[in-house]
Amino acid sequence: MATIVEYTDAKKPTNAYPDRIISPRAPGLCCYSKMEQIGSEQREEGWSFIYKRCKKCGFTVRQVVARDPRVIIKKGSRFDYQEMVGGQN
């Protein structure tokens, strides 16, 4: 799954969502209380995710919020559906 976030300390943090986000390589102490959602929920390859960015330092993460179960149970998937739902094989 591709990302629009570039992690680097060599460039100034920049929010050019939805095209590109430049983020510091590591979070700061401010990130625990200053994160905000950028844009709306997106879906790609069976994953639903949102981008969150620190209002103070610009650190950005992609947070997975859901996985489409239809992708998991597709033939050839490496996941065992019964194992995921707690059933016996």
N, C-alpha and C. Protein backbone atom coordinates (compact mmCIF):
# COMPACT_ATOMS: atom_id res chain seq x y z
N MET A 1 0.85 -1.17 0.00
CA MET A 1 0.00 0.00 0.00
C MET A 1 0.90 1.24 0.00
N ALA A 2 0.78 2.05 -0.99
CA ALA A 2 1.60 3.25 -1.12
C ALA A 2 1.16 4.31 -0.10
N THR A 3 2.05 5.22 0.20
CA THR A 3 1.72 6.29 1.13
C THR A 3 2.12 7.64 0.54
N ILE A 4 1.43 8.68 0.96
CA ILE A 4 1.75 10.03 0.51
C ILE A 4 2.70 10.72 1.49
N VAL A 5 3.06 10.03 2.57
CA VAL A 5 3.91 10.62 3.60
C VAL A 5 5.39 10.35 3.30
N GLU A 6 6.17 11.40 3.33
CA GLU A 6 7.63 11.28 3.21
C GLU A 6 8.22 11.63 4.58
N TYR A 7 8.92 10.66 5.18
CA TYR A 7 9.53 10.88 6.49
C TYR A 7 10.98 11.32 6.30
N THR A 8 11.28 12.55 6.74
CA THR A 8 12.64 13.09 6.62
C THR A 8 12.82 14.22 7.63
N ASP A 9 14.04 14.37 8.10
CA ASP A 9 14.37 15.50 8.95
C ASP A 9 15.11 16.58 8.16
N ALA A 10 15.35 16.31 6.87
CA ALA A 10 16.09 17.24 6.02
C ALA A 10 15.20 18.32 5.40
N LYS A 11 13.88 18.13 5.46
CA LYS A 11 12.94 19.10 4.88
C LYS A 11 11.99 19.60 5.96
N LYS A 12 11.44 20.78 5.73
CA LYS A 12 10.46 21.36 6.65
C LYS A 12 9.15 20.57 6.56
N PRO A 13 8.52 20.23 7.71
CA PRO A 13 7.23 19.54 7.67
C PRO A 13 6.22 20.35 6.86
N THR A 14 5.54 19.66 5.94
CA THR A 14 4.61 20.32 5.03
C THR A 14 3.36 19.47 4.86
N ASN A 15 2.20 20.13 4.87
CA ASN A 15 0.94 19.44 4.63
C ASN A 15 0.41 19.88 3.27
N ALA A 16 0.63 19.05 2.26
CA ALA A 16 0.10 19.30 0.92
C ALA A 16 -0.93 18.20 0.60
N TYR A 17 -1.70 17.80 1.63
CA TYR A 17 -2.71 16.76 1.46
C TYR A 17 -3.67 17.18 0.36
N PRO A 18 -4.09 16.34 -0.52
CA PRO A 18 -3.93 14.88 -0.58
C PRO A 18 -2.75 14.42 -1.44
N ASP A 19 -1.92 15.35 -1.89
CA ASP A 19 -0.82 14.95 -2.78
C ASP A 19 0.41 14.46 -2.04
N ARG A 20 0.83 15.18 -1.03
CA ARG A 20 2.08 14.85 -0.34
C ARG A 20 2.08 15.44 1.06
N ILE A 21 2.66 14.72 2.02
CA ILE A 21 2.88 15.22 3.37
C ILE A 21 4.33 14.94 3.72
N ILE A 22 5.04 15.96 4.17
CA ILE A 22 6.41 15.77 4.63
C ILE A 22 6.36 15.81 6.15
N SER A 23 6.87 14.75 6.77
CA SER A 23 6.77 14.56 8.21
C SER A 23 8.15 14.33 8.81
N PRO A 24 8.37 14.81 10.05
CA PRO A 24 9.60 14.41 10.75
C PRO A 24 9.64 12.89 10.90
N ARG A 25 10.84 12.34 11.07
CA ARG A 25 11.00 10.89 11.17
C ARG A 25 10.48 10.31 12.49
N ALA A 26 10.43 11.11 13.54
CA ALA A 26 10.01 10.60 14.84
C ALA A 26 9.02 11.58 15.48
N PRO A 27 8.09 11.06 16.30
CA PRO A 27 7.14 11.94 16.97
C PRO A 27 7.81 12.73 18.09
N GLY A 28 7.20 13.83 18.45
CA GLY A 28 7.64 14.61 19.60
C GLY A 28 6.68 14.39 20.75
N LEU A 29 7.00 14.93 21.91
CA LEU A 29 6.10 14.81 23.06
C LEU A 29 4.75 15.47 22.79
N CYS A 30 4.74 16.47 21.92
CA CYS A 30 3.51 17.18 21.58
C CYS A 30 2.50 16.29 20.85
N CYS A 31 2.97 15.26 20.19
CA CYS A 31 2.12 14.43 19.34
C CYS A 31 1.03 13.67 20.12
N TYR A 32 1.25 13.43 21.38
CA TYR A 32 0.28 12.66 22.17
C TYR A 32 -1.00 13.43 22.41
N SER A 33 -0.95 14.75 22.33
CA SER A 33 -2.16 15.54 22.59
C SER A 33 -2.56 16.46 21.43
N LYS A 34 -1.75 16.54 20.39
CA LYS A 34 -2.01 17.50 19.31
C LYS A 34 -2.34 16.88 17.96
N MET A 35 -2.60 15.58 17.91
CA MET A 35 -2.88 14.93 16.63
C MET A 35 -4.29 15.27 16.15
N GLU A 36 -4.43 15.53 14.85
CA GLU A 36 -5.74 15.79 14.26
C GLU A 36 -5.85 15.02 12.95
N GLN A 37 -7.08 14.65 12.63
CA GLN A 37 -7.32 13.92 11.38
C GLN A 37 -7.21 14.87 10.20
N ILE A 38 -6.58 14.38 9.13
CA ILE A 38 -6.47 15.14 7.89
C ILE A 38 -7.30 14.42 6.84
N GLY A 39 -8.24 15.12 6.23
CA GLY A 39 -9.06 14.51 5.18
C GLY A 39 -10.06 13.51 5.75
N SER A 40 -10.62 12.72 4.85
CA SER A 40 -11.63 11.74 5.25
C SER A 40 -11.05 10.33 5.17
N GLU A 41 -11.82 9.38 5.67
CA GLU A 41 -11.40 7.98 5.63
C GLU A 41 -11.23 7.53 4.19
N GLN A 42 -10.16 6.78 3.94
CA GLN A 42 -9.87 6.28 2.60
C GLN A 42 -9.82 4.76 2.62
N ARG A 43 -10.06 4.15 1.47
CA ARG A 43 -10.01 2.69 1.35
C ARG A 43 -9.04 2.33 0.23
N GLU A 44 -8.19 1.34 0.53
CA GLU A 44 -7.23 0.87 -0.46
C GLU A 44 -6.86 -0.57 -0.14
N GLU A 45 -6.97 -1.44 -1.13
CA GLU A 45 -6.59 -2.85 -0.99
C GLU A 45 -7.24 -3.52 0.22
N GLY A 46 -8.50 -3.19 0.48
CA GLY A 46 -9.22 -3.81 1.58
C GLY A 46 -8.97 -3.19 2.94
N TRP A 47 -8.20 -2.14 3.02
CA TRP A 47 -7.92 -1.45 4.27
C TRP A 47 -8.65 -0.11 4.28
N SER A 48 -9.17 0.29 5.43
CA SER A 48 -9.71 1.64 5.61
C SER A 48 -8.75 2.36 6.55
N PHE A 49 -8.37 3.58 6.20
CA PHE A 49 -7.40 4.30 7.02
C PHE A 49 -7.63 5.80 6.95
N ILE A 50 -7.05 6.50 7.92
CA ILE A 50 -7.06 7.95 7.96
C ILE A 50 -5.63 8.42 8.21
N TYR A 51 -5.34 9.64 7.82
CA TYR A 51 -4.06 10.26 8.15
C TYR A 51 -4.27 11.15 9.37
N LYS A 52 -3.32 11.11 10.30
CA LYS A 52 -3.34 11.99 11.46
C LYS A 52 -2.02 12.74 11.50
N ARG A 53 -2.10 14.03 11.81
CA ARG A 53 -0.91 14.89 11.80
C ARG A 53 -0.90 15.75 13.05
N CYS A 54 0.28 15.91 13.64
CA CYS A 54 0.44 16.74 14.83
C CYS A 54 0.34 18.21 14.43
N LYS A 55 -0.51 18.95 15.12
CA LYS A 55 -0.69 20.37 14.81
C LYS A 55 0.55 21.20 15.14
N LYS A 56 1.39 20.69 16.04
CA LYS A 56 2.56 21.47 16.46
C LYS A 56 3.82 21.17 15.64
N CYS A 57 4.18 19.89 15.52
CA CYS A 57 5.47 19.55 14.87
C CYS A 57 5.32 18.97 13.47
N GLY A 58 4.11 18.55 13.08
CA GLY A 58 3.90 18.03 11.73
C GLY A 58 4.09 16.53 11.56
N PHE A 59 4.41 15.81 12.66
CA PHE A 59 4.57 14.35 12.54
C PHE A 59 3.25 13.75 12.08
N THR A 60 3.32 12.83 11.11
CA THR A 60 2.12 12.27 10.48
C THR A 60 2.16 10.75 10.49
N VAL A 61 1.00 10.14 10.73
CA VAL A 61 0.86 8.68 10.66
C VAL A 61 -0.38 8.34 9.85
N ARG A 62 -0.37 7.13 9.32
CA ARG A 62 -1.56 6.59 8.67
C ARG A 62 -2.14 5.58 9.64
N GLN A 63 -3.33 5.83 10.13
CA GLN A 63 -3.96 4.96 11.12
C GLN A 63 -4.99 4.08 10.43
N VAL A 64 -4.79 2.77 10.53
CA VAL A 64 -5.75 1.82 9.98
C VAL A 64 -6.95 1.77 10.92
N VAL A 65 -8.15 1.95 10.35
CA VAL A 65 -9.35 1.94 11.18
C VAL A 65 -10.21 0.70 10.96
N ALA A 66 -10.01 0.00 9.84
CA ALA A 66 -10.80 -1.21 9.58
C ALA A 66 -10.16 -2.04 8.47
N ARG A 67 -10.48 -3.31 8.47
CA ARG A 67 -10.04 -4.24 7.42
C ARG A 67 -11.29 -4.89 6.87
N ASP A 68 -11.46 -4.88 5.57
CA ASP A 68 -12.62 -5.48 4.93
C ASP A 68 -12.54 -7.00 5.07
N PRO A 69 -13.47 -7.63 5.78
CA PRO A 69 -13.38 -9.09 5.99
C PRO A 69 -13.52 -9.89 4.70
N ARG A 70 -14.13 -9.32 3.67
CA ARG A 70 -14.25 -10.05 2.40
C ARG A 70 -12.89 -10.29 1.77
N VAL A 71 -11.94 -9.40 2.01
CA VAL A 71 -10.59 -9.58 1.49
C VAL A 71 -9.90 -10.71 2.24
N ILE A 72 -10.16 -10.80 3.53
CA ILE A 72 -9.51 -11.81 4.37
C ILE A 72 -9.94 -13.22 3.97
N ILE A 73 -11.21 -13.40 3.62
CA ILE A 73 -11.70 -14.76 3.34
C ILE A 73 -11.62 -15.14 1.87
N LYS A 74 -11.05 -14.26 1.03
CA LYS A 74 -10.89 -14.60 -0.38
C LYS A 74 -10.01 -15.83 -0.53
N LYS A 75 -10.29 -16.62 -1.55
CA LYS A 75 -9.48 -17.79 -1.83
C LYS A 75 -8.03 -17.38 -2.06
N GLY A 76 -7.13 -18.09 -1.43
CA GLY A 76 -5.71 -17.79 -1.57
C GLY A 76 -5.19 -16.83 -0.53
N SER A 77 -6.08 -16.36 0.34
CA SER A 77 -5.63 -15.47 1.40
C SER A 77 -4.77 -16.23 2.39
N ARG A 78 -3.77 -15.58 2.96
CA ARG A 78 -2.92 -16.25 3.93
C ARG A 78 -3.53 -16.25 5.32
N PHE A 79 -4.71 -15.66 5.48
CA PHE A 79 -5.38 -15.63 6.76
C PHE A 79 -6.37 -16.79 6.85
N ASP A 80 -6.48 -17.37 8.01
CA ASP A 80 -7.46 -18.41 8.26
C ASP A 80 -8.65 -17.76 8.94
N TYR A 81 -9.79 -17.70 8.25
CA TYR A 81 -10.96 -17.01 8.77
C TYR A 81 -11.40 -17.58 10.11
N GLN A 82 -11.45 -18.90 10.25
CA GLN A 82 -11.88 -19.50 11.51
C GLN A 82 -10.97 -19.09 12.66
N GLU A 83 -9.69 -19.00 12.39
CA GLU A 83 -8.74 -18.59 13.41
C GLU A 83 -9.01 -17.15 13.85
N MET A 84 -9.38 -16.30 12.89
CA MET A 84 -9.62 -14.90 13.21
C MET A 84 -10.87 -14.70 14.04
N VAL A 85 -11.91 -15.51 13.81
CA VAL A 85 -13.15 -15.35 14.55
C VAL A 85 -13.20 -16.24 15.79
N GLY A 86 -12.13 -16.96 16.05
CA GLY A 86 -12.06 -17.76 17.27
C GLY A 86 -12.66 -19.15 17.15
N GLY A 87 -12.95 -19.59 15.93
CA GLY A 87 -13.52 -20.93 15.73
C GLY A 87 -12.47 -22.01 15.74
N GLN A 88 -12.92 -23.24 15.76
CA GLN A 88 -12.03 -24.39 15.71
C GLN A 88 -11.82 -24.81 14.26
N ASN A 89 -10.62 -25.23 13.93
CA ASN A 89 -10.33 -25.72 12.58
C ASN A 89 -10.74 -27.16 12.44
